Amino acid sequence: MFQAHRNDLLEHVRSGPLDRRAFMQRAAAAGISASAAGALFREATAAAQDASPGASPEASPAASPVDHGAMKPSITRDEYLAQLKDHFTLEAAAHEGGQAIYVSTTDMKTLNPVIRSDVAALFVIGNIFNTLVGTSPIDGSNVPDLADSWEMSEDGIRWVFHLNEKATWHDGEPVTADDVVFTFDAIADPSGLSPVQSDFLQVVESYRALDAHTVEMIAKVPTASFLNKSASQVGIMPKHLWESIPLADWGSAPGSTGTDASKVIGSGPFTFVEWVQNDHATIARNEDYWLPDLVPHLDTYTLRVVDDATTAIQTLSTGESDIADLPAPQIDAFTQGNPDMAVDVYDTFRWSFFIPNQDERNGKFFKQKEVRQALMYALDREAIVENLLDGYAVVATGTQPVISRAYAPDRMTTVYDYDVDKANALLEGAGWVDSDGDGIREKDGVKMSMEFPYNASDPTTGTLVPYLQQAWKAIGIDIQPAALPQPNLIDRVFANDFQLSLLGITWTDEDQGMFFRTGVGFNLSHYSNPEFDKLNDEQLVELDEKKRMDLIIEATNIVNDDVALGIMYFNKAATASNPRLHNLRPNAFGSTWSIGYVWTEEA
């Protein structure tokens, strides 16, 4: 059936004008996914052009521009800034100058936004470089950054961005549309090192500069997350400094390593000072920032790197640092021991979960849904949250975090309350029995016993893993914990060298297809459900927000019932800071997103 539809669609393109919108509509009606349809359209286009090179839409004088419908305006910069100040009640600065030091247990890996893959780098890069479109710390929506505003066509295909005409690089050169195009080229080029390349190419058909301050992007299909996968992905790079450097060499270039400060040039509110790896990185106020009202109040902001969370907290207590994130098990002790410190507690987009490997080649235990469900029913997750995490988490009902727009616990059809009897019954029904009385279930001669690799540096695992071992032993599942450094654990999991493991991740998008779609790179459990894939395709092209959330919630029900991943709880976070800092507003979108607004009582 698919092949018949495929041939019909290819003939449609070859025999008429190359109209992507009509093609995608016909593909959807035929039940073909958006990603598959996009690939078919490109195949048909290439075939048609090969057969008749002079007849491409660009080359043919008879071709007329595609009508994408009326253009809808975005929020403006002024509107966004007004919302920001109202929502966070930011104070007017009483003093200018001073410094703030954020202490972290993780150093960044690069100063280059195009090749960045780590979170730590955002604390520095996010203040040096502007993205074309930013992210609102109010709700995660898309807001102006380098672009003052933009428009989207009625059909969701054409996007036009208007750059601020006063934007300049730190060396005084103007920021232009050519810089944006150059950055997008660097992301898309297969010889480059950008980790967001696949996301970008998934949604972007083309892009170009319309004039010095206007950029046009064309989407492959209408995509609700288009901006998140394209215009807001990375900071824009200065073409005049990077165009002579081969993309394959960007990782070792002085502008990436910081060995030559004159090469670390962005357009943001802070300028680069220095980076001493595994010690500190410092940035300074950009007095000439092209948005005068947003020039920072602090003289400098520093990312300081220490060995562990205990040391980080000690530096805060002794005044050697000003801001630190607190692990859940240490929040209460720190608060009681440091009553003068400010401590902000907030919900996050972080999930903590176990991964039941369902790969046919490595799935002795977890191919059956009943077995995966038994793992969940065997856990007293209320006790985990209250006793092991001191209440600084929320028991997960579904896979969407508490602050997600798709969080809908009342619409989940399966709720994993603590029920050991049900867990045992599910395992028995799936054919896993303790036939020799040793307390470990078996099936087809295979004992339900396995290694359990986990992150040794996560401060919560010291108490969580022994509990998991005990809870699963009670239903006849034997795990042998193996504490690994985080990089080694990630290598093991991505190499598919495990059967059951433990991870945590922060993911701000309601679209969770990255983790649950068949065959994608972050589907670490090797889960597959065609019904989920279909709903995920549908939500990608649904531009009506309510309808899209309904589709996502429906898809969430599927993976929740299947226990594609064993999401145990959604983490809360806490950021502690010296009270001399004003306007620090940590939340799920970043503990230091507001550093440009921060002022200190020191003159």
Protein backbone atom coordinates (compact mmCIF):
# COMPACT_ATOMS: atom_id res chain seq x y z
CA MET A 1 0.00 0.00 0.00
CA PHE A 2 2.78 2.44 0.92
CA GLN A 3 4.56 1.70 -2.39
CA ALA A 4 1.38 2.44 -4.36
CA HIS A 5 0.92 5.78 -2.61
CA ARG A 6 4.61 6.52 -3.10
CA ASN A 7 4.48 5.93 -6.84
CA ASP A 8 1.31 8.00 -7.15
CA LEU A 9 2.87 10.92 -5.30
CA LEU A 10 6.11 10.79 -7.29
CA GLU A 11 4.10 10.86 -10.51
CA HIS A 12 2.13 13.84 -9.17
CA VAL A 13 5.34 15.84 -8.76
CA ARG A 14 6.91 14.76 -12.03
CA SER A 15 3.85 15.58 -14.06
CA GLY A 16 3.12 19.03 -12.66
CA PRO A 17 4.51 22.03 -10.81
CA LEU A 18 6.68 21.24 -7.78
CA ASP A 19 4.17 22.42 -5.18
CA ARG A 20 5.42 21.24 -1.77
CA ARG A 21 2.27 22.28 0.09
CA ALA A 22 -0.06 20.24 -2.15
CA PHE A 23 2.35 17.33 -2.08
CA MET A 24 2.52 17.27 1.72
CA GLN A 25 -1.26 17.46 2.01
CA ARG A 26 -1.68 14.49 -0.31
CA ALA A 27 1.02 12.57 1.58
CA ALA A 28 -0.72 13.19 4.89
CA ALA A 29 -4.03 12.02 3.46
CA ALA A 30 -2.28 8.85 2.30
CA GLY A 31 -1.05 8.17 5.83
CA ILE A 32 2.61 8.87 5.06
CA SER A 33 4.56 10.54 7.86
CA ALA A 34 5.84 14.09 7.46
CA SER A 35 9.49 13.02 7.56
CA ALA A 36 8.94 10.28 4.96
CA ALA A 37 6.93 12.66 2.77
CA GLY A 38 9.69 15.26 2.94
CA ALA A 39 12.22 12.69 1.77
CA LEU A 40 9.90 11.65 -1.08
CA PHE A 41 9.45 15.26 -2.17
CA ARG A 42 13.21 15.79 -2.32
CA GLU A 43 13.61 12.54 -4.28
CA ALA A 44 10.92 13.55 -6.75
CA THR A 45 12.31 17.07 -7.11
CA ALA A 46 15.79 15.74 -7.82
CA ALA A 47 14.43 13.28 -10.36
CA ALA A 48 12.40 15.94 -12.13
CA GLN A 49 15.37 18.29 -12.31
CA ASP A 50 17.65 15.53 -13.59
CA ALA A 51 15.18 14.77 -16.33
CA SER A 52 14.73 18.39 -17.28
CA PRO A 53 17.55 20.57 -15.84
CA GLY A 54 16.30 23.80 -17.29
CA ALA A 55 12.89 23.49 -15.70
CA SER A 56 13.69 24.10 -12.03
CA PRO A 57 11.43 26.68 -10.35
CA GLU A 58 14.32 29.10 -9.90
CA ALA A 59 15.51 28.84 -13.49
CA SER A 60 12.21 28.89 -15.31
CA PRO A 61 10.91 32.34 -16.23
CA ALA A 62 7.41 30.87 -16.24
CA ALA A 63 7.59 29.77 -12.61
CA SER A 64 5.64 31.97 -10.23
CA PRO A 65 6.36 32.39 -6.49
CA VAL A 66 4.51 30.03 -4.18
CA ASP A 67 1.74 31.79 -2.26
CA HIS A 68 2.17 30.81 1.38
CA GLY A 69 -0.68 32.99 2.60
CA ALA A 70 -0.73 36.08 4.76
CA MET A 71 2.20 36.76 7.11
CA LYS A 72 1.52 36.70 10.87
CA PRO A 73 3.67 38.93 13.10
CA SER A 74 5.57 37.76 16.16
CA ILE A 75 5.82 39.40 19.54
CA THR A 76 7.97 42.54 19.38
CA ARG A 77 11.05 43.22 21.47
CA ASP A 78 9.30 45.99 23.42
CA GLU A 79 6.34 43.74 24.18
CA TYR A 80 8.62 40.95 25.38
CA LEU A 81 10.74 43.20 27.61
CA ALA A 82 7.59 44.65 29.19
CA GLN A 83 6.32 41.13 29.93
CA LEU A 84 9.68 40.18 31.42
CA LYS A 85 9.81 43.09 33.84
CA ASP A 86 6.19 42.64 34.87
CA HIS A 87 6.55 38.92 35.47
CA PHE A 88 9.78 39.06 37.49
CA THR A 89 9.38 42.53 39.09
CA LEU A 90 12.99 43.43 38.33
CA GLU A 91 14.37 46.25 40.46
CA ALA A 92 16.10 49.32 39.10
CA ALA A 93 19.81 49.05 39.88
CA ALA A 94 20.95 51.08 42.88
CA HIS A 95 24.63 50.53 42.07
CA GLU A 96 26.77 49.82 39.01
CA GLY A 97 29.84 47.57 39.08
CA GLY A 98 31.01 44.62 41.14
CA GLN A 99 31.21 40.95 40.25
CA ALA A 100 29.28 37.70 40.56
CA ILE A 101 30.82 34.23 40.69
CA TYR A 102 28.79 31.15 39.79
CA VAL A 103 30.38 27.93 41.04
CA SER A 104 29.95 24.68 39.13
CA THR A 105 31.28 21.13 39.26
CA THR A 106 31.45 21.00 35.45
CA ASP A 107 33.61 23.06 33.12
CA MET A 108 32.50 24.01 29.63
CA LYS A 109 34.04 22.35 26.57
CA THR A 110 34.08 25.17 24.03
CA LEU A 111 33.40 28.87 23.47
CA ASN A 112 31.97 28.20 20.02
CA PRO A 113 28.15 28.19 19.99
CA VAL A 114 27.88 26.24 16.72
CA ILE A 115 29.75 23.21 18.09
CA ARG A 116 28.59 23.44 21.72
CA SER A 117 26.98 20.29 23.12
CA ASP A 118 27.29 20.84 26.88
CA VAL A 119 25.06 22.77 29.27
CA ALA A 120 27.93 24.36 31.23
CA ALA A 121 29.02 26.40 28.19
CA LEU A 122 25.67 28.19 28.14
CA PHE A 123 26.56 30.06 31.33
CA VAL A 124 29.25 31.87 29.32
CA ILE A 125 28.35 31.53 25.64
CA GLY A 126 24.75 32.58 26.27
CA ASN A 127 25.99 35.99 27.41
CA ILE A 128 28.64 36.50 24.70
CA PHE A 129 26.55 35.54 21.66
CA ASN A 130 23.01 36.40 20.60
CA THR A 131 20.78 33.92 18.84
CA LEU A 132 18.54 35.03 16.00
CA VAL A 133 15.52 34.19 18.17
CA GLY A 134 15.68 33.79 21.95
CA THR A 135 13.78 31.83 24.59
CA SER A 136 11.58 33.51 27.16
CA PRO A 137 12.42 32.63 30.78
CA ILE A 138 8.74 33.23 31.55
CA ASP A 139 7.35 30.23 29.68
CA GLY A 140 9.93 29.02 27.16
CA SER A 141 8.23 30.70 24.20
CA ASN A 142 10.20 32.21 21.31
CA VAL A 143 11.08 35.87 21.72
CA PRO A 144 13.26 38.46 19.93
CA ASP A 145 17.04 38.43 20.27
CA LEU A 146 19.12 39.53 17.25
CA ALA A 147 15.84 39.73 15.39
CA ASP A 148 13.57 42.52 16.64
CA SER A 149 10.62 40.56 15.25
CA TRP A 150 9.63 38.07 12.56
CA GLU A 151 6.65 36.90 10.57
CA MET A 152 5.37 33.44 9.75
CA SER A 153 3.24 32.69 6.71
CA GLU A 154 -0.27 31.40 7.14
CA ASP A 155 0.75 27.88 6.06
CA GLY A 156 3.76 27.77 8.43
CA ILE A 157 6.29 27.43 5.61
CA ARG A 158 7.82 30.90 5.11
CA TRP A 159 9.53 32.80 7.93
CA VAL A 160 11.02 36.31 7.64
CA PHE A 161 13.29 37.74 10.37
CA HIS A 162 14.13 41.43 10.83
CA LEU A 163 17.52 41.99 12.45
CA ASN A 164 18.14 44.98 14.68
CA GLU A 165 19.96 47.43 12.39
CA LYS A 166 22.14 48.74 15.24
CA ALA A 167 23.51 45.31 16.22
CA THR A 168 27.30 45.16 16.22
CA TRP A 169 30.01 42.64 17.00
CA HIS A 170 32.33 43.26 19.94
CA ASP A 171 35.01 44.46 17.49
CA GLY A 172 32.68 47.15 16.14
CA GLU A 173 31.72 45.46 12.86
CA PRO A 174 27.98 45.46 12.03
CA VAL A 175 25.93 42.27 12.40
CA THR A 176 24.24 41.48 9.09
CA ALA A 177 22.08 38.86 7.47
CA ASP A 178 25.25 37.42 5.91
CA ASP A 179 26.42 36.45 9.41
CA VAL A 180 23.17 34.59 9.99
CA VAL A 181 23.43 32.75 6.66
CA PHE A 182 27.08 31.94 7.37
CA THR A 183 26.17 30.46 10.76
CA PHE A 184 23.37 28.38 9.27
CA ASP A 185 25.79 27.15 6.58
CA ALA A 186 28.19 26.06 9.33
CA ILE A 187 25.42 24.11 11.06
CA ALA A 188 24.21 22.42 7.89
CA ASP A 189 27.58 21.57 6.32
CA PRO A 190 28.35 17.83 6.70
CA SER A 191 32.04 18.62 7.25
CA GLY A 192 31.14 20.69 10.31
CA LEU A 193 30.95 19.69 13.96
CA SER A 194 27.52 21.00 14.94
CA PRO A 195 25.56 18.61 17.19
CA VAL A 196 22.28 20.26 16.15
CA GLN A 197 22.77 19.58 12.45
CA SER A 198 20.19 16.78 12.26
CA ASP A 199 17.54 18.88 14.03
CA PHE A 200 18.24 21.82 11.74
CA LEU A 201 18.13 19.81 8.52
CA GLN A 202 15.00 18.01 9.65
CA VAL A 203 12.93 21.20 9.46
CA VAL A 204 14.80 23.69 7.22
CA GLU A 205 14.37 23.54 3.45
CA SER A 206 16.31 26.71 2.63
CA TYR A 207 17.41 30.12 3.91
CA ARG A 208 18.78 33.30 2.40
CA ALA A 209 19.47 36.98 3.06
CA LEU A 210 16.80 39.20 1.53
CA ASP A 211 18.82 42.31 2.34
CA ALA A 212 21.46 43.37 4.89
CA HIS A 213 19.07 43.03 7.82
CA THR A 214 16.41 40.56 6.66
CA VAL A 215 16.63 36.77 6.58
CA GLU A 216 14.14 34.38 5.02
CA MET A 217 13.80 30.73 6.02
CA ILE A 218 11.64 28.13 4.29
CA ALA A 219 10.43 25.14 6.30
CA LYS A 220 10.22 21.69 4.77
CA VAL A 221 6.76 21.23 6.25
CA PRO A 222 4.69 23.23 8.74
CA THR A 223 6.40 22.40 12.04
CA ALA A 224 5.27 23.59 15.46
CA SER A 225 8.85 23.41 16.79
CA PHE A 226 10.43 25.05 13.74
CA LEU A 227 12.07 27.93 15.62
CA ASN A 228 13.33 25.67 18.41
CA LYS A 229 15.11 23.50 15.85
CA SER A 230 16.45 26.32 13.70
CA ALA A 231 16.53 30.04 14.55
CA SER A 232 16.97 29.65 18.31
CA GLN A 233 19.43 26.75 18.26
CA VAL A 234 22.83 28.50 18.37
CA GLY A 235 24.44 31.88 18.76
CA ILE A 236 25.15 33.72 15.52
CA MET A 237 28.84 33.80 14.53
CA PRO A 238 30.82 36.68 12.90
CA LYS A 239 31.52 35.67 9.32
CA HIS A 240 34.47 38.06 8.96
CA LEU A 241 36.40 36.19 11.67
CA TRP A 242 35.46 32.59 10.91
CA GLU A 243 35.02 32.25 7.14
CA SER A 244 38.74 31.52 6.59
CA ILE A 245 38.80 28.64 9.11
CA PRO A 246 37.83 25.17 7.77
CA LEU A 247 34.77 23.86 9.57
CA ALA A 248 36.60 20.66 10.54
CA ASP A 249 39.12 22.80 12.47
CA TRP A 250 36.61 24.84 14.47
CA GLY A 251 37.04 22.70 17.59
CA SER A 252 40.70 23.66 18.01
CA ALA A 253 40.46 27.24 16.71
CA PRO A 254 41.56 29.99 19.15
CA GLY A 255 38.04 31.43 19.06
CA SER A 256 36.76 28.10 20.41
CA THR A 257 39.45 27.42 22.99
CA GLY A 258 39.87 31.01 24.17
CA THR A 259 43.65 30.96 23.68
CA ASP A 260 43.31 34.20 21.71
CA ALA A 261 40.75 36.48 23.34
CA SER A 262 40.60 38.71 20.27
CA LYS A 263 39.00 35.81 18.36
CA VAL A 264 36.17 35.27 20.86
CA ILE A 265 33.87 37.88 19.40
CA GLY A 266 30.13 37.86 19.81
CA SER A 267 27.34 40.44 19.74
CA GLY A 268 26.01 39.92 23.28
CA PRO A 269 25.88 41.99 26.49
CA PHE A 270 29.17 40.55 27.82
CA THR A 271 32.64 40.31 26.25
CA PHE A 272 35.15 37.52 26.74
CA VAL A 273 38.04 38.01 29.19
CA GLU A 274 39.67 34.61 29.78
CA TRP A 275 39.13 30.88 30.17
CA VAL A 276 41.49 28.84 32.34
CA GLN A 277 40.21 25.32 31.75
CA ASN A 278 38.99 23.40 34.80
CA ASP A 279 39.43 26.54 36.91
CA HIS A 280 37.37 29.52 35.72
CA ALA A 281 36.02 31.56 32.82
CA THR A 282 35.36 35.29 33.09
CA ILE A 283 33.31 37.69 30.96
CA ALA A 284 32.93 41.47 31.30
CA ARG A 285 30.21 44.05 30.75
CA ASN A 286 29.93 45.21 27.13
CA GLU A 287 29.71 48.98 27.57
CA ASP A 288 28.90 49.36 23.87
CA TYR A 289 26.07 46.83 23.75
CA TRP A 290 23.72 47.77 20.91
CA LEU A 291 20.72 47.59 23.26
CA PRO A 292 21.68 50.43 25.66
CA ASP A 293 18.87 49.67 28.12
CA LEU A 294 20.21 46.11 28.51
CA VAL A 295 23.87 46.90 29.25
CA PRO A 296 24.70 44.74 32.34
CA HIS A 297 25.22 46.34 35.74
CA LEU A 298 28.01 44.00 36.87
CA ASP A 299 31.61 44.60 35.84
CA THR A 300 32.36 40.89 35.54
CA TYR A 301 30.69 37.49 35.78
CA THR A 302 32.75 34.34 36.38
CA LEU A 303 32.09 30.63 36.02
CA ARG A 304 34.25 28.94 38.67
CA VAL A 305 34.90 25.19 38.48
CA VAL A 306 35.41 22.97 41.54
CA ASP A 307 35.66 19.23 42.05
CA ASP A 308 32.34 18.38 43.72
CA ALA A 309 29.05 19.71 45.07
CA THR A 310 30.29 19.78 48.67
CA THR A 311 33.20 22.04 47.71
CA ALA A 312 30.86 24.25 45.67
CA ILE A 313 28.56 24.77 48.65
CA GLN A 314 31.52 25.48 50.93
CA THR A 315 32.75 28.26 48.63
CA LEU A 316 29.33 29.85 48.83
CA SER A 317 29.32 29.68 52.63
CA THR A 318 32.79 31.24 52.85
CA GLY A 319 32.07 34.01 50.36
CA GLU A 320 34.43 32.68 47.67
CA SER A 321 31.48 32.37 45.29
CA ASP A 322 28.07 34.01 45.00
CA ILE A 323 25.76 31.49 43.26
CA ALA A 324 25.53 27.69 43.46
CA ASP A 325 22.96 25.04 42.55
CA LEU A 326 22.13 22.75 45.48
CA PRO A 327 21.60 18.96 45.15
CA ALA A 328 18.27 17.89 46.63
CA PRO A 329 19.76 15.93 49.58
CA GLN A 330 21.70 19.05 50.69
CA ILE A 331 19.04 21.76 50.34
CA ASP A 332 17.61 21.52 53.87
CA ALA A 333 21.00 21.26 55.56
CA PHE A 334 22.35 24.25 53.65
CA THR A 335 19.27 26.36 54.34
CA GLN A 336 19.39 25.60 58.06
CA GLY A 337 23.13 26.23 58.28
CA ASN A 338 23.08 29.41 56.21
CA PRO A 339 19.92 31.32 57.18
CA ASP A 340 21.18 34.56 55.63
CA MET A 341 21.56 33.06 52.17
CA ALA A 342 18.83 33.34 49.53
CA VAL A 343 17.56 29.94 48.35
CA ASP A 344 15.16 29.66 45.42
CA VAL A 345 13.40 26.29 44.91
CA TYR A 346 11.60 25.64 41.62
CA ASP A 347 10.21 22.94 39.36
CA THR A 348 12.37 21.93 36.42
CA PHE A 349 12.22 20.07 33.12
CA ARG A 350 14.46 17.33 34.47
CA TRP A 351 13.32 13.71 34.63
CA SER A 352 15.00 10.88 36.53
CA PHE A 353 14.38 7.50 34.98
CA PHE A 354 15.55 3.92 34.50
CA ILE A 355 16.11 2.54 31.01
CA PRO A 356 14.77 -0.96 30.27
CA ASN A 357 16.59 -2.07 27.11
CA GLN A 358 14.11 -3.49 24.61
CA ASP A 359 16.53 -4.17 21.74
CA GLU A 360 15.96 -7.61 20.20
CA ARG A 361 19.73 -8.22 20.39
CA ASN A 362 19.93 -7.28 24.04
CA GLY A 363 16.38 -7.65 25.32
CA LYS A 364 16.27 -10.85 27.32
CA PHE A 365 14.21 -9.22 30.03
CA PHE A 366 12.32 -6.16 28.87
CA LYS A 367 10.61 -6.87 25.54
CA GLN A 368 7.37 -7.60 27.39
CA LYS A 369 5.40 -4.55 28.52
CA GLU A 370 4.23 -6.43 31.62
CA VAL A 371 7.81 -6.77 32.86
CA ARG A 372 8.48 -3.07 32.39
CA GLN A 373 5.25 -2.20 34.17
CA ALA A 374 6.21 -4.48 37.06
CA LEU A 375 9.39 -2.46 37.59
CA MET A 376 7.26 0.65 38.09
CA TYR A 377 4.62 -0.91 40.36
CA ALA A 378 7.39 -2.27 42.60
CA LEU A 379 8.64 1.21 43.50
CA ASP A 380 7.23 3.32 46.33
CA ARG A 381 7.95 6.55 44.51
CA GLU A 382 6.20 8.67 47.14
CA ALA A 383 8.72 7.34 49.65
CA ILE A 384 11.60 8.00 47.25
CA VAL A 385 10.56 11.64 46.92
CA GLU A 386 9.84 12.22 50.61
CA ASN A 387 12.59 10.16 52.23
CA LEU A 388 15.45 10.11 49.75
CA LEU A 389 14.96 13.51 48.11
CA ASP A 390 13.53 15.42 51.09
CA GLY A 391 10.42 16.26 49.06
CA TYR A 392 12.34 18.09 46.31
CA ALA A 393 10.73 16.23 43.42
CA VAL A 394 7.28 15.31 42.11
CA VAL A 395 6.20 11.71 41.50
CA ALA A 396 5.83 11.32 37.74
CA THR A 397 2.39 10.58 36.33
CA GLY A 398 3.09 10.38 32.62
CA THR A 399 6.26 11.56 30.91
CA GLN A 400 5.66 15.34 30.76
CA PRO A 401 7.24 17.40 33.58
CA VAL A 402 5.10 19.51 35.90
CA ILE A 403 5.82 22.78 34.10
CA SER A 404 5.28 21.36 30.62
CA ARG A 405 2.30 22.68 28.70
CA ALA A 406 1.40 19.02 28.11
CA TYR A 407 1.48 18.01 31.78
CA ALA A 408 -1.88 16.29 32.30
CA PRO A 409 -1.76 13.70 35.11
CA ASP A 410 -5.57 13.54 35.23
CA ARG A 411 -5.62 12.37 31.60
CA MET A 412 -3.18 9.47 32.06
CA THR A 413 -4.99 6.15 31.77
CA THR A 414 -2.30 4.19 33.63
CA VAL A 415 -1.06 5.34 37.06
CA TYR A 416 1.77 3.39 38.69
CA ASP A 417 0.83 3.42 42.35
CA TYR A 418 2.97 1.31 44.66
CA ASP A 419 1.58 -2.23 44.33
CA VAL A 420 3.96 -5.15 44.90
CA ASP A 421 1.20 -7.74 44.45
CA LYS A 422 0.39 -6.35 41.02
CA ALA A 423 4.06 -6.31 40.08
CA ASN A 424 4.41 -9.98 41.03
CA ALA A 425 1.23 -10.91 39.15
CA LEU A 426 2.46 -9.17 36.00
CA LEU A 427 5.76 -11.04 36.12
CA GLU A 428 4.02 -14.36 36.73
CA GLY A 429 1.66 -13.72 33.82
CA ALA A 430 4.64 -12.92 31.58
CA GLY A 431 6.18 -16.31 32.36
CA TRP A 432 8.89 -15.17 34.79
CA VAL A 433 8.80 -17.47 37.82
CA ASP A 434 11.05 -18.43 40.73
CA SER A 435 11.19 -22.14 40.01
CA ASP A 436 14.09 -23.05 42.32
CA GLY A 437 13.21 -20.88 45.31
CA ASP A 438 16.36 -18.75 45.26
CA GLY A 439 14.34 -15.52 45.10
CA ILE A 440 15.29 -14.72 41.50
CA ARG A 441 12.79 -15.22 38.69
CA GLU A 442 13.70 -17.06 35.51
CA LYS A 443 12.26 -17.87 32.11
CA ASP A 444 13.51 -20.26 29.44
CA GLY A 445 16.52 -21.00 31.62
CA VAL A 446 17.53 -17.34 31.96
CA LYS A 447 17.79 -15.81 35.43
CA MET A 448 16.42 -12.27 35.80
CA SER A 449 19.79 -10.99 37.02
CA MET A 450 21.79 -8.17 35.45
CA GLU A 451 24.37 -5.43 35.96
CA PHE A 452 22.94 -1.98 36.72
CA PRO A 453 25.31 0.82 35.60
CA TYR A 454 24.65 4.31 37.00
CA ASN A 455 26.28 7.74 37.39
CA ALA A 456 28.66 7.70 40.35
CA SER A 457 28.88 11.51 40.52
CA ASP A 458 25.14 12.11 40.92
CA PRO A 459 24.64 12.91 44.64
CA THR A 460 21.18 11.29 44.71
CA THR A 461 22.29 7.84 43.51
CA GLY A 462 24.02 6.95 46.78
CA THR A 463 20.65 6.41 48.44
CA LEU A 464 18.44 5.80 45.40
CA VAL A 465 20.31 2.84 43.91
CA PRO A 466 20.31 0.73 47.11
CA TYR A 467 16.56 1.32 47.38
CA LEU A 468 15.99 0.23 43.76
CA GLN A 469 18.06 -2.88 44.38
CA GLN A 470 15.97 -3.75 47.44
CA ALA A 471 12.59 -2.97 45.81
CA TRP A 472 13.26 -5.02 42.70
CA LYS A 473 14.78 -7.87 44.70
CA ALA A 474 11.42 -8.08 46.51
CA ILE A 475 9.74 -9.05 43.21
CA GLY A 476 12.47 -11.44 42.10
CA ILE A 477 14.65 -9.15 39.96
CA ASP A 478 18.34 -9.06 40.85
CA ILE A 479 20.46 -6.05 39.91
CA GLN A 480 24.17 -5.60 40.58
CA PRO A 481 24.91 -1.85 40.83
CA ALA A 482 27.97 -0.61 38.91
CA ALA A 483 29.00 2.98 39.67
CA LEU A 484 30.62 4.63 36.63
CA PRO A 485 31.92 8.12 35.86
CA GLN A 486 29.25 9.94 33.87
CA PRO A 487 31.20 9.95 30.55
CA ASN A 488 31.74 6.18 30.83
CA LEU A 489 28.07 5.60 31.63
CA ILE A 490 26.98 7.66 28.62
CA ASP A 491 29.38 5.70 26.39
CA ARG A 492 27.95 2.40 27.66
CA VAL A 493 24.34 3.45 27.17
CA PHE A 494 24.84 4.86 23.69
CA ALA A 495 26.84 1.77 22.70
CA ASN A 496 23.83 -0.36 23.72
CA ASP A 497 26.03 -2.16 26.25
CA PHE A 498 23.49 -2.56 29.06
CA GLN A 499 20.14 -4.12 29.93
CA LEU A 500 18.93 -1.83 32.71
CA SER A 501 20.45 1.52 33.63
CA LEU A 502 19.70 4.83 35.40
CA LEU A 503 19.87 8.37 34.00
CA GLY A 504 18.50 11.87 34.34
CA ILE A 505 17.97 14.42 31.60
CA THR A 506 16.67 17.95 31.13
CA TRP A 507 14.37 18.43 28.12
CA THR A 508 12.32 21.59 27.69
CA ASP A 509 10.29 20.64 24.60
CA GLU A 510 6.90 18.92 24.88
CA ASP A 511 7.85 16.98 21.75
CA GLN A 512 9.49 13.87 23.24
CA GLY A 513 9.91 12.09 19.93
CA MET A 514 13.68 12.33 20.37
CA PHE A 515 13.37 9.68 23.09
CA PHE A 516 10.51 7.48 21.91
CA ARG A 517 10.37 7.47 18.10
CA THR A 518 11.45 4.26 16.42
CA GLY A 519 15.14 4.30 15.55
CA VAL A 520 16.13 7.82 16.64
CA GLY A 521 19.46 8.50 18.32
CA PHE A 522 18.23 9.27 21.85
CA ASN A 523 15.78 6.37 21.98
CA LEU A 524 18.11 4.66 24.43
CA SER A 525 15.63 1.93 25.38
CA HIS A 526 15.16 0.94 21.71
CA TYR A 527 11.42 1.28 22.12
CA SER A 528 9.09 1.12 19.13
CA ASN A 529 5.37 1.77 18.80
CA PRO A 530 3.97 2.77 15.37
CA GLU A 531 0.96 4.43 17.03
CA PHE A 532 3.26 6.77 18.96
CA ASP A 533 5.27 7.51 15.80
CA LYS A 534 2.08 8.42 13.94
CA LEU A 535 0.87 10.80 16.67
CA ASN A 536 4.33 12.32 16.89
CA ASP A 537 4.24 13.01 13.14
CA GLU A 538 0.83 14.64 13.50
CA GLN A 539 1.81 16.97 16.35
CA LEU A 540 4.90 18.12 14.44
CA VAL A 541 2.76 19.69 11.74
CA GLU A 542 -0.14 20.84 13.93
CA LEU A 543 0.12 24.62 14.32
CA ASP A 544 -2.96 25.02 16.54
CA GLU A 545 -1.48 24.99 20.05
CA LYS A 546 -4.40 23.29 21.82
CA LYS A 547 -4.78 20.60 19.17
CA ARG A 548 -1.04 19.99 19.27
CA MET A 549 -1.02 19.57 23.06
CA ASP A 550 -3.95 17.14 22.80
CA LEU A 551 -1.97 15.02 20.33
CA ILE A 552 1.10 15.09 22.57
CA ILE A 553 -0.95 14.07 25.62
CA GLU A 554 -2.43 11.19 23.64
CA ALA A 555 1.07 10.11 22.63
CA THR A 556 2.24 10.48 26.24
CA ASN A 557 -0.46 8.04 27.32
CA ILE A 558 0.98 5.44 24.97
CA VAL A 559 4.59 5.64 26.17
CA ASN A 560 3.47 5.93 29.79
CA ASP A 561 1.39 2.75 29.54
CA ASP A 562 4.22 0.98 27.67
CA VAL A 563 6.88 2.18 30.16
CA ALA A 564 9.11 3.08 27.25
CA LEU A 565 11.29 4.64 29.95
CA GLY A 566 10.70 4.25 33.67
CA ILE A 567 10.24 7.92 34.57
CA MET A 568 10.18 7.88 38.37
CA TYR A 569 9.98 11.56 39.28
CA PHE A 570 10.40 15.11 38.02
CA ASN A 571 13.18 16.95 39.84
CA LYS A 572 12.94 20.22 41.63
CA ALA A 573 16.03 22.42 41.78
CA ALA A 574 17.42 24.93 44.23
CA THR A 575 19.79 27.81 43.62
CA ALA A 576 21.47 29.47 46.57
CA SER A 577 22.95 32.97 46.30
CA ASN A 578 24.52 35.72 48.34
CA PRO A 579 21.75 38.18 49.28
CA ARG A 580 23.90 41.11 48.18
CA LEU A 581 22.94 40.12 44.63
CA HIS A 582 19.67 41.64 43.46
CA ASN A 583 17.51 40.56 40.48
CA LEU A 584 18.83 37.00 40.34
CA ARG A 585 15.74 35.06 39.25
CA PRO A 586 16.66 31.37 38.83
CA ASN A 587 14.05 29.08 37.32
CA ALA A 588 13.68 26.07 35.04
CA PHE A 589 15.03 28.03 32.07
CA GLY A 590 18.35 28.69 33.80
CA SER A 591 19.75 29.50 37.22
CA THR A 592 21.58 32.56 35.85
CA TRP A 593 19.47 33.64 32.85
CA SER A 594 18.97 37.03 34.60
CA ILE A 595 22.67 37.81 35.11
CA GLY A 596 22.39 40.83 32.81
CA TYR A 597 19.88 42.36 35.21
CA VAL A 598 21.77 41.51 38.40
CA TRP A 599 23.24 44.30 40.49
CA THR A 600 25.22 44.09 43.69
CA GLU A 601 25.12 46.24 46.78
CA GLU A 602 28.83 46.78 46.41
CA ALA A 603 29.66 50.00 44.56
